[in-house]
Amino acid sequence: MKSNLLTKTAAILAFAVAPFVTSCSSDDDNNNNNNQPGNTIVDIAAADQNFSVLVQALDRADLVETLDGTTEYTVFAPTNDAFNDFLEQKGYASLSDVPVAALREILLNHVVSGTVMSSSLQTGYVKTLARGNASATNTISMFINTQSGVVINGGVANGGATVTTADIEASNGVIHIVNNVIDLPTVVNHAVANPSFSILVQALTRDDQPDFVGILSGSQNAPFTVFAPTDDAFVALLDELNLATLNDVPQATLQNTLSYHVVTEANVLAASLTDNMSVTTFQGGSFTVNLEGGASITDANGRVSDIIVTDVQASNGVVHAIDTVILP
């Protein structure tokens, strides 16, 4: 595989430096030329020295054939600088020090099935090709925020990235250049990335609370299933309790409530939920899942919360969004 890739790279570079009869062309013309047989995602990456580490990584992870075929993919492609920063942050001296299985999942976390141009990107979740580990049955979710450019999984500070150059068309899909290697997200990363969970994040990180971020970012007691209340759900709860702000919620009440939304040692997907299913939580109490008329939860107080988004997969668990804060 490696010798074939080196041969292909040499041929592409030779073509790239060959003289042209004309040198005047628009970006659209370039994209249309890329969108021809023989200009695959791998071809384009191999012809650009800014992607040399990406090409080496694809070769090492045995993904060249996948992205060099006829099946269409969208690739969020990190530059050499992005890869070098990633290696330094993770404590790897070089690309060859990254375990192959881990490298493969990281790379697949940058790939989405089909051709998705920037004009078609919308704020919300998409599925990557990564699974996080070999035994996982659900592929990792990616949160795309288009409110200001295209920000993936909350941006660099949250292990995500920002698209810096979009819509490099290939014969088998499209490349969007990103400024960071997109790490496999935890359930916490997903909460931070989605602005609809901003109050939940404030609650989890309140000074008087346990280290929920550390707990839900780790592997102990994982995988986690998190039923995550939206901002609207928290606002409604404060109104229900006649409290002005989140800071007015007593420490023990907030801790018990947050723990009540977490299930440990289980990656419970929507398809696994059954009607009248009793679920034991991290808090120690339980709630009941109802499927009649749509999936919902009845808490210990008889209050009902609808499950409005399902199966947001992380590397250490899964998140389902709910429209009402449930109480133990």
Protein backbone atom coordinates (compact mmCIF):
# COMPACT_ATOMS: atom_id res chain seq x y z
CA MET A 1 0.00 0.00 0.00
CA LYS A 2 2.78 2.44 0.96
CA SER A 3 4.71 1.95 -2.29
CA ASN A 4 1.53 2.50 -4.32
CA LEU A 5 0.85 5.73 -2.44
CA LEU A 6 4.41 6.98 -2.98
CA THR A 7 4.12 6.24 -6.69
CA LYS A 8 0.80 8.06 -6.86
CA THR A 9 2.21 11.04 -4.92
CA ALA A 10 5.20 11.33 -7.24
CA ALA A 11 2.97 11.29 -10.29
CA ILE A 12 0.69 13.95 -8.86
CA LEU A 13 3.59 16.21 -7.91
CA ALA A 14 5.08 15.81 -11.36
CA PHE A 15 1.78 16.88 -12.88
CA ALA A 16 1.49 19.78 -10.42
CA VAL A 17 4.79 21.36 -11.51
CA ALA A 18 4.27 20.78 -15.25
CA PRO A 19 3.88 23.98 -17.34
CA PHE A 20 0.35 25.07 -18.23
CA VAL A 21 -0.69 26.54 -21.56
CA THR A 22 -2.93 29.01 -19.70
CA SER A 23 -2.74 30.14 -16.10
CA CYS A 24 -5.95 32.11 -15.78
CA SER A 25 -8.80 30.20 -14.15
CA SER A 26 -11.44 30.88 -11.52
CA ASP A 27 -11.87 28.98 -8.26
CA ASP A 28 -14.96 27.37 -9.76
CA ASP A 29 -12.90 26.20 -12.71
CA ASN A 30 -10.36 24.67 -10.34
CA ASN A 31 -13.07 22.92 -8.37
CA ASN A 32 -14.62 21.58 -11.56
CA ASN A 33 -11.23 20.30 -12.68
CA ASN A 34 -10.78 18.58 -9.33
CA ASN A 35 -14.17 16.97 -9.74
CA GLN A 36 -12.89 14.62 -12.43
CA PRO A 37 -11.87 10.94 -12.32
CA GLY A 38 -8.33 10.66 -10.98
CA ASN A 39 -8.69 13.65 -8.65
CA THR A 40 -9.76 11.80 -5.54
CA ILE A 41 -9.55 13.08 -1.99
CA VAL A 42 -6.22 11.26 -1.62
CA ASP A 43 -4.92 12.67 -4.92
CA ILE A 44 -5.65 16.24 -3.84
CA ALA A 45 -4.17 15.74 -0.36
CA ALA A 46 -1.03 14.12 -1.79
CA ALA A 47 -0.52 17.05 -4.18
CA ASP A 48 -0.53 19.61 -1.35
CA GLN A 49 2.48 19.74 0.96
CA ASN A 50 0.26 21.20 3.70
CA PHE A 51 -1.35 17.76 3.96
CA SER A 52 1.80 15.63 3.97
CA VAL A 53 1.29 14.49 7.58
CA LEU A 54 -2.37 13.71 6.86
CA VAL A 55 -1.31 11.56 3.91
CA GLN A 56 1.25 9.74 6.06
CA ALA A 57 -1.43 9.18 8.70
CA LEU A 58 -3.92 7.80 6.17
CA ASP A 59 -1.25 5.43 4.87
CA ARG A 60 -0.30 4.23 8.35
CA ALA A 61 -3.95 3.69 9.30
CA ASP A 62 -4.66 1.82 6.04
CA LEU A 63 -7.31 4.36 4.96
CA VAL A 64 -5.83 5.38 1.61
CA GLU A 65 -7.92 2.89 -0.33
CA THR A 66 -11.09 4.05 1.46
CA LEU A 67 -10.64 7.69 0.43
CA ASP A 68 -9.19 6.90 -3.00
CA GLY A 69 -12.20 5.02 -4.35
CA THR A 70 -15.52 6.00 -5.87
CA THR A 71 -17.57 6.19 -2.68
CA GLU A 72 -18.20 9.84 -1.83
CA TYR A 73 -17.01 11.34 1.44
CA THR A 74 -16.68 14.72 3.11
CA VAL A 75 -13.30 15.10 4.81
CA PHE A 76 -12.46 17.77 7.36
CA ALA A 77 -8.72 17.81 6.67
CA PRO A 78 -6.20 19.01 9.29
CA THR A 79 -3.05 20.72 8.07
CA ASN A 80 0.49 19.72 9.01
CA ASP A 81 0.56 22.41 11.71
CA ALA A 82 -2.65 21.01 13.17
CA PHE A 83 -1.22 17.48 13.26
CA ASN A 84 2.05 18.63 14.81
CA ASP A 85 0.15 20.51 17.53
CA PHE A 86 -1.95 17.41 18.18
CA LEU A 87 1.11 15.15 18.51
CA GLU A 88 2.73 17.59 20.94
CA GLN A 89 -0.42 17.93 23.06
CA LYS A 90 -0.81 14.16 23.27
CA GLY A 91 2.85 13.61 24.14
CA TYR A 92 3.81 11.76 20.94
CA ALA A 93 7.28 12.36 19.53
CA SER A 94 6.12 11.50 16.01
CA LEU A 95 3.20 10.12 14.04
CA SER A 96 4.70 6.63 14.22
CA ASP A 97 4.28 6.68 18.01
CA VAL A 98 0.50 6.91 17.80
CA PRO A 99 -1.11 3.46 18.14
CA VAL A 100 -2.54 2.49 14.76
CA ALA A 101 -6.00 1.65 16.12
CA ALA A 102 -6.24 5.03 17.86
CA LEU A 103 -4.94 6.87 14.79
CA ARG A 104 -7.51 5.16 12.58
CA GLU A 105 -10.39 6.25 14.81
CA ILE A 106 -9.07 9.82 15.01
CA LEU A 107 -8.87 10.00 11.21
CA LEU A 108 -12.33 8.47 10.73
CA ASN A 109 -13.65 11.12 13.11
CA HIS A 110 -12.88 13.64 10.34
CA VAL A 111 -14.91 11.80 7.69
CA VAL A 112 -18.64 12.04 6.95
CA SER A 113 -20.42 9.92 4.36
CA GLY A 114 -21.53 11.68 1.19
CA THR A 115 -20.57 15.00 -0.37
CA VAL A 116 -21.59 17.89 1.90
CA MET A 117 -20.72 21.31 0.51
CA SER A 118 -20.42 24.24 2.91
CA SER A 119 -23.71 25.70 1.64
CA SER A 120 -25.46 22.53 2.83
CA LEU A 121 -23.95 22.52 6.32
CA GLN A 122 -26.44 23.37 9.05
CA THR A 123 -26.15 23.71 12.81
CA GLY A 124 -26.73 20.28 14.28
CA TYR A 125 -25.34 16.78 14.51
CA VAL A 126 -23.87 14.58 11.81
CA LYS A 127 -22.34 11.12 12.05
CA THR A 128 -18.67 10.51 11.38
CA LEU A 129 -17.20 7.14 10.40
CA ALA A 130 -15.43 6.74 13.77
CA ARG A 131 -16.62 4.30 16.42
CA GLY A 132 -14.18 5.11 19.18
CA ASN A 133 -13.46 1.44 19.77
CA ALA A 134 -13.91 -1.83 17.93
CA SER A 135 -16.86 -3.00 20.07
CA ALA A 136 -18.96 0.15 19.60
CA THR A 137 -22.16 -0.19 17.57
CA ASN A 138 -22.94 3.51 17.12
CA THR A 139 -20.69 5.91 15.21
CA ILE A 140 -19.37 9.08 16.83
CA SER A 141 -21.44 12.25 16.46
CA MET A 142 -20.05 15.60 15.30
CA PHE A 143 -21.71 18.89 16.26
CA ILE A 144 -21.49 21.54 13.55
CA ASN A 145 -22.26 25.15 14.45
CA THR A 146 -22.75 27.51 11.49
CA GLN A 147 -23.70 30.63 13.45
CA SER A 148 -20.28 32.17 12.82
CA GLY A 149 -18.37 30.32 10.12
CA VAL A 150 -18.24 26.54 10.52
CA VAL A 151 -17.18 25.43 14.00
CA ILE A 152 -16.91 21.72 14.80
CA ASN A 153 -17.43 20.30 18.31
CA GLY A 154 -17.09 23.70 19.96
CA GLY A 155 -13.79 24.68 18.37
CA VAL A 156 -10.14 24.18 19.24
CA ALA A 157 -10.53 24.84 22.98
CA ASN A 158 -13.00 21.93 23.22
CA GLY A 159 -11.03 19.46 21.09
CA GLY A 160 -12.82 20.53 17.91
CA ALA A 161 -11.86 22.74 14.99
CA THR A 162 -12.89 25.56 12.67
CA VAL A 163 -13.13 25.27 8.91
CA THR A 164 -10.60 27.65 7.37
CA THR A 165 -11.06 26.74 3.69
CA ALA A 166 -14.21 25.08 2.37
CA ASP A 167 -15.38 23.23 -0.73
CA ILE A 168 -12.26 21.74 -2.31
CA GLU A 169 -14.07 19.41 -4.66
CA ALA A 170 -12.78 15.96 -5.49
CA SER A 171 -14.05 13.28 -7.84
CA ASN A 172 -15.24 11.29 -4.81
CA GLY A 173 -16.37 14.04 -2.46
CA VAL A 174 -15.17 17.27 -0.93
CA ILE A 175 -12.45 18.51 1.44
CA HIS A 176 -12.90 21.24 4.04
CA ILE A 177 -9.60 22.34 5.62
CA VAL A 178 -9.67 22.65 9.43
CA ASN A 179 -7.25 24.27 11.87
CA ASN A 180 -7.07 21.45 14.41
CA VAL A 181 -7.17 17.67 14.68
CA ILE A 182 -10.70 16.84 15.85
CA ASP A 183 -10.36 14.68 18.93
CA LEU A 184 -12.86 11.97 19.82
CA PRO A 185 -15.45 13.84 21.91
CA THR A 186 -16.52 12.84 25.41
CA VAL A 187 -20.06 13.41 26.67
CA VAL A 188 -18.72 16.59 28.28
CA ASN A 189 -17.28 17.82 24.98
CA HIS A 190 -20.68 17.34 23.38
CA ALA A 191 -22.40 19.30 26.15
CA VAL A 192 -19.91 22.16 25.83
CA ALA A 193 -20.12 22.22 22.02
CA ASN A 194 -23.90 22.68 21.83
CA PRO A 195 -25.08 26.17 22.92
CA SER A 196 -28.45 24.66 23.87
CA PHE A 197 -26.74 23.02 26.86
CA SER A 198 -25.03 26.16 28.22
CA ILE A 199 -26.95 26.17 31.53
CA LEU A 200 -26.28 22.45 31.99
CA VAL A 201 -22.56 23.18 31.60
CA GLN A 202 -22.84 26.02 34.13
CA ALA A 203 -24.52 23.62 36.55
CA LEU A 204 -21.93 20.87 36.08
CA THR A 205 -19.08 23.31 36.66
CA ARG A 206 -20.55 25.28 39.59
CA ASP A 207 -17.90 25.70 42.29
CA ASP A 208 -19.81 23.82 44.98
CA GLN A 209 -20.42 20.74 42.84
CA PRO A 210 -18.37 17.53 42.57
CA ASP A 211 -15.94 17.29 39.66
CA PHE A 212 -18.65 16.27 37.23
CA VAL A 213 -16.48 17.29 34.27
CA GLY A 214 -13.68 15.01 35.41
CA ILE A 215 -16.08 12.16 36.13
CA LEU A 216 -17.92 12.42 32.80
CA SER A 217 -14.73 12.93 30.79
CA GLY A 218 -13.07 9.78 32.09
CA SER A 219 -13.34 6.04 31.66
CA GLN A 220 -14.17 5.02 35.23
CA ASN A 221 -17.87 4.07 35.40
CA ALA A 222 -18.05 4.61 31.62
CA PRO A 223 -19.79 4.35 29.31
CA PHE A 224 -22.26 7.00 30.44
CA THR A 225 -25.76 7.66 29.22
CA VAL A 226 -26.66 11.29 29.84
CA PHE A 227 -30.19 12.65 29.57
CA ALA A 228 -29.28 16.30 29.03
CA PRO A 229 -31.80 19.07 29.75
CA THR A 230 -31.78 22.00 27.34
CA ASP A 231 -31.48 25.63 28.43
CA ASP A 232 -35.25 26.02 28.04
CA ALA A 233 -35.72 23.07 30.40
CA PHE A 234 -33.56 24.73 33.08
CA VAL A 235 -35.35 28.08 32.67
CA ALA A 236 -38.69 26.31 33.14
CA LEU A 237 -37.36 24.52 36.24
CA LEU A 238 -36.23 27.77 37.88
CA ASP A 239 -39.67 29.22 37.22
CA GLU A 240 -41.30 26.09 38.63
CA LEU A 241 -39.19 26.36 41.81
CA ASN A 242 -39.64 30.16 42.05
CA LEU A 243 -35.89 30.69 41.86
CA ALA A 244 -34.28 33.64 40.09
CA THR A 245 -31.03 32.03 38.90
CA LEU A 246 -29.15 28.75 38.87
CA ASN A 247 -27.07 30.01 41.78
CA ASP A 248 -30.21 29.97 43.96
CA VAL A 249 -30.50 26.17 43.68
CA PRO A 250 -29.15 24.60 46.92
CA GLN A 251 -25.93 22.62 46.58
CA ALA A 252 -27.35 19.23 47.53
CA THR A 253 -30.43 19.72 45.36
CA LEU A 254 -28.33 20.57 42.31
CA GLN A 255 -25.92 17.67 42.89
CA ASN A 256 -28.74 15.14 43.28
CA THR A 257 -30.54 16.53 40.25
CA LEU A 258 -27.49 16.41 37.97
CA SER A 259 -26.57 12.88 39.12
CA TYR A 260 -30.17 11.82 38.45
CA HIS A 261 -29.68 12.55 34.73
CA VAL A 262 -26.74 10.14 34.37
CA VAL A 263 -26.66 6.36 33.94
CA THR A 264 -23.28 4.70 34.47
CA GLU A 265 -21.70 1.67 32.82
CA ALA A 266 -24.21 1.65 29.96
CA ASN A 267 -24.33 3.15 26.47
CA VAL A 268 -28.11 3.09 26.14
CA LEU A 269 -29.23 3.91 22.60
CA ALA A 270 -32.76 4.93 21.72
CA ALA A 271 -33.43 1.58 20.07
CA SER A 272 -32.70 -0.15 23.40
CA LEU A 273 -35.37 1.80 25.30
CA THR A 274 -38.54 -0.13 26.09
CA ASP A 275 -41.93 0.99 27.34
CA ASN A 276 -42.19 1.14 31.16
CA MET A 277 -38.46 0.55 31.41
CA SER A 278 -37.10 1.39 34.87
CA VAL A 279 -33.70 3.09 34.78
CA THR A 280 -31.38 3.29 37.80
CA THR A 281 -29.32 6.46 37.84
CA PHE A 282 -25.92 7.58 39.11
CA GLN A 283 -27.80 9.39 41.92
CA GLY A 284 -29.22 6.08 43.11
CA GLY A 285 -32.85 6.80 42.31
CA SER A 286 -34.72 5.64 39.24
CA PHE A 287 -37.07 6.95 36.57
CA THR A 288 -39.37 5.29 34.04
CA VAL A 289 -39.10 5.43 30.26
CA ASN A 290 -42.35 5.63 28.31
CA LEU A 291 -42.65 5.05 24.56
CA GLU A 292 -46.36 5.55 23.91
CA GLY A 293 -46.82 8.73 21.88
CA GLY A 294 -43.06 9.25 21.66
CA ALA A 295 -40.18 8.57 24.01
CA SER A 296 -40.42 10.32 27.37
CA ILE A 297 -39.31 10.01 30.98
CA THR A 298 -41.45 10.03 34.10
CA ASP A 299 -39.39 11.04 37.11
CA ALA A 300 -39.80 10.08 40.77
CA ASN A 301 -42.24 12.97 41.23
CA GLY A 302 -44.52 12.02 38.34
CA ARG A 303 -43.19 14.83 36.13
CA VAL A 304 -42.80 14.02 32.42
CA SER A 305 -39.91 15.02 30.13
CA ASP A 306 -39.89 14.33 26.39
CA ILE A 307 -36.71 12.96 24.80
CA ILE A 308 -36.22 15.36 21.88
CA VAL A 309 -32.79 14.36 20.47
CA THR A 310 -31.35 10.86 20.66
CA ASP A 311 -28.08 8.98 20.19
CA VAL A 312 -25.51 11.79 20.25
CA GLN A 313 -22.59 9.41 20.47
CA ALA A 314 -19.37 10.23 22.29
CA SER A 315 -16.23 8.19 22.85
CA ASN A 316 -17.26 7.38 26.42
CA GLY A 317 -21.03 7.32 26.21
CA VAL A 318 -24.13 8.75 24.62
CA VAL A 319 -26.27 11.87 25.13
CA HIS A 320 -30.03 12.24 24.72
CA ALA A 321 -31.54 15.73 24.98
CA ILE A 322 -34.67 16.21 27.08
CA ASP A 323 -37.05 19.17 27.33
CA THR A 324 -37.73 19.09 31.10
CA VAL A 325 -35.33 18.75 34.03
CA ILE A 326 -36.20 15.54 35.87
CA LEU A 327 -36.15 15.53 39.69
CA PRO A 328 -35.31 12.66 42.08
